[in-house]
């Protein structure tokens, strides 16, 4: 497993939109797109759709 880019935990397996991977703990404090599964910084938000900007057009 990779190292979390946010907290340095060695068990990071979720793709982070800003590059690298985040752990389950850090995933919970950010926005995760239910369609693609990528984790985004909370301030990115979901544009009111519940999905990231790349996936929103599919819904």
PDB file of N, CA and C in Angstrom:
ATOM      1  N   UNK A   1       0.829  -1.191   0.000  1.00  0.00           N
ATOM      2  CA  UNK A   1       0.000   0.000   0.000  1.00  0.00           C
ATOM      3  C   UNK A   1       0.870   1.250   0.000  1.00  0.00           C
ATOM      4  N   UNK A   2       0.264   2.320  -0.437  1.00  0.00           N
ATOM      5  CA  UNK A   2       0.969   3.597  -0.532  1.00  0.00           C
ATOM      6  C   UNK A   2       0.890   4.376   0.776  1.00  0.00           C
ATOM      7  N   UNK A   3       1.671   5.423   0.849  1.00  0.00           N
ATOM      8  CA  UNK A   3       1.681   6.317   2.002  1.00  0.00           C
ATOM      9  C   UNK A   3       0.682   7.446   1.755  1.00  0.00           C
ATOM     10  N   UNK A   4      -0.128   7.775   2.765  1.00  0.00           N
ATOM     11  CA  UNK A   4      -1.132   8.831   2.650  1.00  0.00           C
ATOM     12  C   UNK A   4      -0.453  10.187   2.460  1.00  0.00           C
ATOM     13  N   UNK A   5      -0.894  10.939   1.455  1.00  0.00           N
ATOM     14  CA  UNK A   5      -0.295  12.247   1.186  1.00  0.00           C
ATOM     15  C   UNK A   5      -0.751  13.302   2.191  1.00  0.00           C
ATOM     16  N   UNK A   6      -1.775  12.998   2.988  1.00  0.00           N
ATOM     17  CA  UNK A   6      -2.288  13.968   3.948  1.00  0.00           C
ATOM     18  C   UNK A   6      -1.757  13.747   5.368  1.00  0.00           C
ATOM     19  N   UNK A   7      -1.611  12.480   5.791  1.00  0.00           N
ATOM     20  CA  UNK A   7      -1.191  12.230   7.174  1.00  0.00           C
ATOM     21  C   UNK A   7      -0.014  11.275   7.291  1.00  0.00           C
ATOM     22  N   UNK A   8       0.495  10.760   6.196  1.00  0.00           N
ATOM     23  CA  UNK A   8       1.645   9.850   6.143  1.00  0.00           C
ATOM     24  C   UNK A   8       1.359   8.434   6.639  1.00  0.00           C
ATOM     25  N   UNK A   9       0.096   8.073   6.843  1.00  0.00           N
ATOM     26  CA  UNK A   9      -0.274   6.708   7.207  1.00  0.00           C
ATOM     27  C   UNK A   9       0.195   5.783   6.084  1.00  0.00           C
ATOM     28  N   UNK A  10       0.693   4.628   6.427  1.00  0.00           N
ATOM     29  CA  UNK A  10       1.243   3.706   5.431  1.00  0.00           C
ATOM     30  C   UNK A  10       0.173   2.861   4.743  1.00  0.00           C
ATOM     31  N   UNK A  11      -1.095   3.014   5.112  1.00  0.00           N
ATOM     32  CA  UNK A  11      -2.164   2.190   4.553  1.00  0.00           C
ATOM     33  C   UNK A  11      -3.100   2.988   3.659  1.00  0.00           C
ATOM     34  N   UNK A  12      -2.578   3.772   2.761  1.00  0.00           N
ATOM     35  CA  UNK A  12      -3.394   4.594   1.870  1.00  0.00           C
ATOM     36  C   UNK A  12      -3.710   3.831   0.594  1.00  0.00           C
ATOM     37  N   UNK A  13      -4.989   3.755   0.257  1.00  0.00           N
ATOM     38  CA  UNK A  13      -5.362   3.022  -0.952  1.00  0.00           C
ATOM     39  C   UNK A  13      -6.427   3.718  -1.783  1.00  0.00           C
ATOM     40  N   UNK A  14      -6.809   4.924  -1.403  1.00  0.00           N
ATOM     41  CA  UNK A  14      -7.831   5.659  -2.140  1.00  0.00           C
ATOM     42  C   UNK A  14      -7.178   6.759  -2.978  1.00  0.00           C
ATOM     43  N   UNK A  15      -7.482   6.787  -4.259  1.00  0.00           N
ATOM     44  CA  UNK A  15      -6.864   7.758  -5.168  1.00  0.00           C
ATOM     45  C   UNK A  15      -7.286   9.181  -4.803  1.00  0.00           C
ATOM     46  N   UNK A  16      -6.315  10.045  -4.664  1.00  0.00           N
ATOM     47  CA  UNK A  16      -6.556  11.447  -4.315  1.00  0.00           C
ATOM     48  C   UNK A  16      -6.485  12.290  -5.579  1.00  0.00           C
ATOM     49  N   UNK A  17      -7.440  13.166  -5.764  1.00  0.00           N
ATOM     50  CA  UNK A  17      -7.515  13.967  -6.986  1.00  0.00           C
ATOM     51  C   UNK A  17      -6.310  14.873  -7.182  1.00  0.00           C
ATOM     52  N   UNK A  18      -5.626  15.206  -6.104  1.00  0.00           N
ATOM     53  CA  UNK A  18      -4.471  16.099  -6.185  1.00  0.00           C
ATOM     54  C   UNK A  18      -3.168  15.333  -6.386  1.00  0.00           C
ATOM     55  N   UNK A  19      -3.271  14.022  -6.546  1.00  0.00           N
ATOM     56  CA  UNK A  19      -2.094  13.176  -6.745  1.00  0.00           C
ATOM     57  C   UNK A  19      -1.823  12.318  -5.526  1.00  0.00           C
ATOM     58  N   UNK A  20      -1.417  11.114  -5.746  1.00  0.00           N
ATOM     59  CA  UNK A  20      -1.118  10.192  -4.660  1.00  0.00           C
ATOM     60  C   UNK A  20      -2.361   9.502  -4.137  1.00  0.00           C
ATOM     61  N   UNK A  21      -2.261   9.031  -2.888  1.00  0.00           N
ATOM     62  CA  UNK A  21      -3.342   8.275  -2.276  1.00  0.00           C
ATOM     63  C   UNK A  21      -3.589   8.769  -0.861  1.00  0.00           C
ATOM     64  N   UNK A  22      -4.805   8.528  -0.354  1.00  0.00           N
ATOM     65  CA  UNK A  22      -5.145   8.874   1.024  1.00  0.00           C
ATOM     66  C   UNK A  22      -5.633   7.627   1.754  1.00  0.00           C
ATOM     67  N   UNK A  23      -5.525   7.653   3.078  1.00  0.00           N
ATOM     68  CA  UNK A  23      -5.961   6.530   3.900  1.00  0.00           C
ATOM     69  C   UNK A  23      -7.454   6.663   4.205  1.00  0.00           C
ATOM     70  N   UNK A  24      -8.018   5.631   4.809  1.00  0.00           N
ATOM     71  CA  UNK A  24      -9.443   5.625   5.124  1.00  0.00           C
ATOM     72  C   UNK A  24      -9.811   6.752   6.084  1.00  0.00           C
ATOM     73  N   UNK A  25      -8.938   7.036   7.044  1.00  0.00           N
ATOM     74  CA  UNK A  25      -9.199   8.104   8.008  1.00  0.00           C
ATOM     75  C   UNK A  25      -9.321   9.467   7.305  1.00  0.00           C
ATOM     76  N   UNK A  26      -8.397   9.778   6.428  1.00  0.00           N
ATOM     77  CA  UNK A  26      -8.409  11.058   5.713  1.00  0.00           C
ATOM     78  C   UNK A  26      -9.520  11.104   4.661  1.00  0.00           C
ATOM     79  N   UNK A  27      -9.886   9.956   4.131  1.00  0.00           N
ATOM     80  CA  UNK A  27     -10.970   9.904   3.154  1.00  0.00           C
ATOM     81  C   UNK A  27     -12.255  10.436   3.771  1.00  0.00           C
ATOM     82  N   UNK A  28     -12.487  10.134   5.035  1.00  0.00           N
ATOM     83  CA  UNK A  28     -13.705  10.553   5.718  1.00  0.00           C
ATOM     84  C   UNK A  28     -13.834  12.055   5.903  1.00  0.00           C
ATOM     85  N   UNK A  29     -12.742  12.776   5.872  1.00  0.00           N
ATOM     86  CA  UNK A  29     -12.806  14.224   6.068  1.00  0.00           C
ATOM     87  C   UNK A  29     -12.711  14.985   4.747  1.00  0.00           C
ATOM     88  N   UNK A  30     -12.875  14.284   3.642  1.00  0.00           N
ATOM     89  CA  UNK A  30     -12.842  14.888   2.311  1.00  0.00           C
ATOM     90  C   UNK A  30     -14.067  14.436   1.534  1.00  0.00           C
ATOM     91  N   UNK A  31     -14.228  14.892   0.316  1.00  0.00           N
ATOM     92  CA  UNK A  31     -15.349  14.502  -0.531  1.00  0.00           C
ATOM     93  C   UNK A  31     -14.936  13.321  -1.403  1.00  0.00           C
ATOM     94  N   UNK A  32     -15.726  12.253  -1.381  1.00  0.00           N
ATOM     95  CA  UNK A  32     -15.469  11.079  -2.208  1.00  0.00           C
ATOM     96  C   UNK A  32     -16.591  10.938  -3.219  1.00  0.00           C
ATOM     97  N   UNK A  33     -16.245  10.892  -4.487  1.00  0.00           N
ATOM     98  CA  UNK A  33     -17.244  10.725  -5.537  1.00  0.00           C
ATOM     99  C   UNK A  33     -17.735   9.276  -5.511  1.00  0.00           C
ATOM    100  N   UNK A  34     -19.047   9.061  -5.391  1.00  0.00           N
ATOM    101  CA  UNK A  34     -19.563   7.696  -5.349  1.00  0.00           C
ATOM    102  C   UNK A  34     -19.471   6.971  -6.695  1.00  0.00           C
ATOM    103  N   UNK A  35     -19.248   7.702  -7.763  1.00  0.00           N
ATOM    104  CA  UNK A  35     -19.179   7.105  -9.099  1.00  0.00           C
ATOM    105  C   UNK A  35     -17.772   6.589  -9.405  1.00  0.00           C
ATOM    106  N   UNK A  36     -16.776   7.457  -9.311  1.00  0.00           N
ATOM    107  CA  UNK A  36     -15.410   7.065  -9.665  1.00  0.00           C
ATOM    108  C   UNK A  36     -14.578   6.660  -8.453  1.00  0.00           C
ATOM    109  N   UNK A  37     -15.010   7.027  -7.256  1.00  0.00           N
ATOM    110  CA  UNK A  37     -14.301   6.647  -6.040  1.00  0.00           C
ATOM    111  C   UNK A  37     -13.113   7.508  -5.683  1.00  0.00           C
ATOM    112  N   UNK A  38     -12.806   8.509  -6.496  1.00  0.00           N
ATOM    113  CA  UNK A  38     -11.673   9.389  -6.176  1.00  0.00           C
ATOM    114  C   UNK A  38     -12.039  10.304  -5.005  1.00  0.00           C
ATOM    115  N   UNK A  39     -11.027  10.662  -4.238  1.00  0.00           N
ATOM    116  CA  UNK A  39     -11.193  11.527  -3.077  1.00  0.00           C
ATOM    117  C   UNK A  39     -10.732  12.930  -3.460  1.00  0.00           C
ATOM    118  N   UNK A  40     -11.542  13.924  -3.114  1.00  0.00           N
ATOM    119  CA  UNK A  40     -11.265  15.325  -3.432  1.00  0.00           C
ATOM    120  C   UNK A  40     -11.198  16.136  -2.148  1.00  0.00           C
ATOM    121  N   UNK A  41     -10.443  17.238  -2.138  1.00  0.00           N
ATOM    122  CA  UNK A  41     -10.435  18.109  -0.973  1.00  0.00           C
ATOM    123  C   UNK A  41     -11.868  18.574  -0.680  1.00  0.00           C
ATOM    124  N   UNK A  42     -12.227  18.638   0.599  1.00  0.00           N
ATOM    125  CA  UNK A  42     -13.586  19.014   0.990  1.00  0.00           C
ATOM    126  C   UNK A  42     -14.029  20.316   0.326  1.00  0.00           C
ATOM    127  N   UNK A  43     -13.125  21.282   0.232  1.00  0.00           N
ATOM    128  CA  UNK A  43     -13.497  22.579  -0.349  1.00  0.00           C
ATOM    129  C   UNK A  43     -13.841  22.493  -1.835  1.00  0.00           C
ATOM    130  N   UNK A  44     -13.456  21.400  -2.493  1.00  0.00           N
ATOM    131  CA  UNK A  44     -13.826  21.196  -3.888  1.00  0.00           C
ATOM    132  C   UNK A  44     -15.327  20.991  -3.995  1.00  0.00           C
ATOM    133  N   UNK A  45     -15.890  20.281  -3.036  1.00  0.00           N
ATOM    134  CA  UNK A  45     -17.327  20.044  -3.005  1.00  0.00           C
ATOM    135  C   UNK A  45     -17.809  19.177  -4.136  1.00  0.00           C
ATOM    136  N   UNK A  46     -19.118  19.041  -4.207  1.00  0.00           N
ATOM    137  CA  UNK A  46     -19.701  18.164  -5.222  1.00  0.00           C
ATOM    138  C   UNK A  46     -20.563  18.931  -6.209  1.00  0.00           C
ATOM    139  N   UNK A  47     -20.459  20.234  -6.250  1.00  0.00           N
ATOM    140  CA  UNK A  47     -21.204  21.082  -7.184  1.00  0.00           C
ATOM    141  C   UNK A  47     -22.711  20.869  -7.074  1.00  0.00           C
ATOM    142  N   UNK A  48     -23.176  20.383  -5.928  1.00  0.00           N
ATOM    143  CA  UNK A  48     -24.604  20.188  -5.711  1.00  0.00           C
ATOM    144  C   UNK A  48     -25.172  18.951  -6.371  1.00  0.00           C
ATOM    145  N   UNK A  49     -24.348  18.155  -7.005  1.00  0.00           N
ATOM    146  CA  UNK A  49     -24.839  16.980  -7.718  1.00  0.00           C
ATOM    147  C   UNK A  49     -24.621  15.680  -6.949  1.00  0.00           C
ATOM    148  N   UNK A  50     -23.700  15.683  -5.999  1.00  0.00           N
ATOM    149  CA  UNK A  50     -23.343  14.470  -5.293  1.00  0.00           C
ATOM    150  C   UNK A  50     -22.211  13.721  -5.961  1.00  0.00           C
ATOM    151  N   UNK A  51     -21.729  14.217  -7.099  1.00  0.00           N
ATOM    152  CA  UNK A  51     -20.662  13.582  -7.861  1.00  0.00           C
ATOM    153  C   UNK A  51     -19.596  14.620  -8.181  1.00  0.00           C
ATOM    154  N   UNK A  52     -18.395  14.163  -8.542  1.00  0.00           N
ATOM    155  CA  UNK A  52     -17.337  15.090  -8.945  1.00  0.00           C
ATOM    156  C   UNK A  52     -17.714  15.700 -10.298  1.00  0.00           C
ATOM    157  N   UNK A  53     -17.006  16.747 -10.692  1.00  0.00           N
ATOM    158  CA  UNK A  53     -17.313  17.444 -11.931  1.00  0.00           C
ATOM    159  C   UNK A  53     -17.213  16.527 -13.153  1.00  0.00           C
ATOM    160  N   UNK A  54     -16.268  15.591 -13.139  1.00  0.00           N
ATOM    161  CA  UNK A  54     -16.102  14.683 -14.284  1.00  0.00           C
ATOM    162  C   UNK A  54     -17.239  13.663 -14.391  1.00  0.00           C
ATOM    163  N   UNK A  55     -17.818  13.269 -13.266  1.00  0.00           N
ATOM    164  CA  UNK A  55     -18.860  12.260 -13.269  1.00  0.00           C
ATOM    165  C   UNK A  55     -20.272  12.855 -13.297  1.00  0.00           C
ATOM    166  N   UNK A  56     -20.422  14.111 -12.916  1.00  0.00           N
ATOM    167  CA  UNK A  56     -21.737  14.747 -12.795  1.00  0.00           C
ATOM    168  C   UNK A  56     -22.529  14.701 -14.094  1.00  0.00           C
ATOM    169  N   UNK A  57     -21.862  14.800 -15.238  1.00  0.00           N
ATOM    170  CA  UNK A  57     -22.575  14.817 -16.519  1.00  0.00           C
ATOM    171  C   UNK A  57     -23.249  13.489 -16.823  1.00  0.00           C
ATOM    172  N   UNK A  58     -22.887  12.415 -16.115  1.00  0.00           N
ATOM    173  CA  UNK A  58     -23.506  11.112 -16.322  1.00  0.00           C
ATOM    174  C   UNK A  58     -24.795  10.928 -15.518  1.00  0.00           C
ATOM    175  N   UNK A  59     -25.136  11.946 -14.710  1.00  0.00           N
ATOM    176  CA  UNK A  59     -26.289  11.784 -13.812  1.00  0.00           C
ATOM    177  C   UNK A  59     -27.296  12.890 -13.955  1.00  0.00           C
TER     178      UNK A  59
END
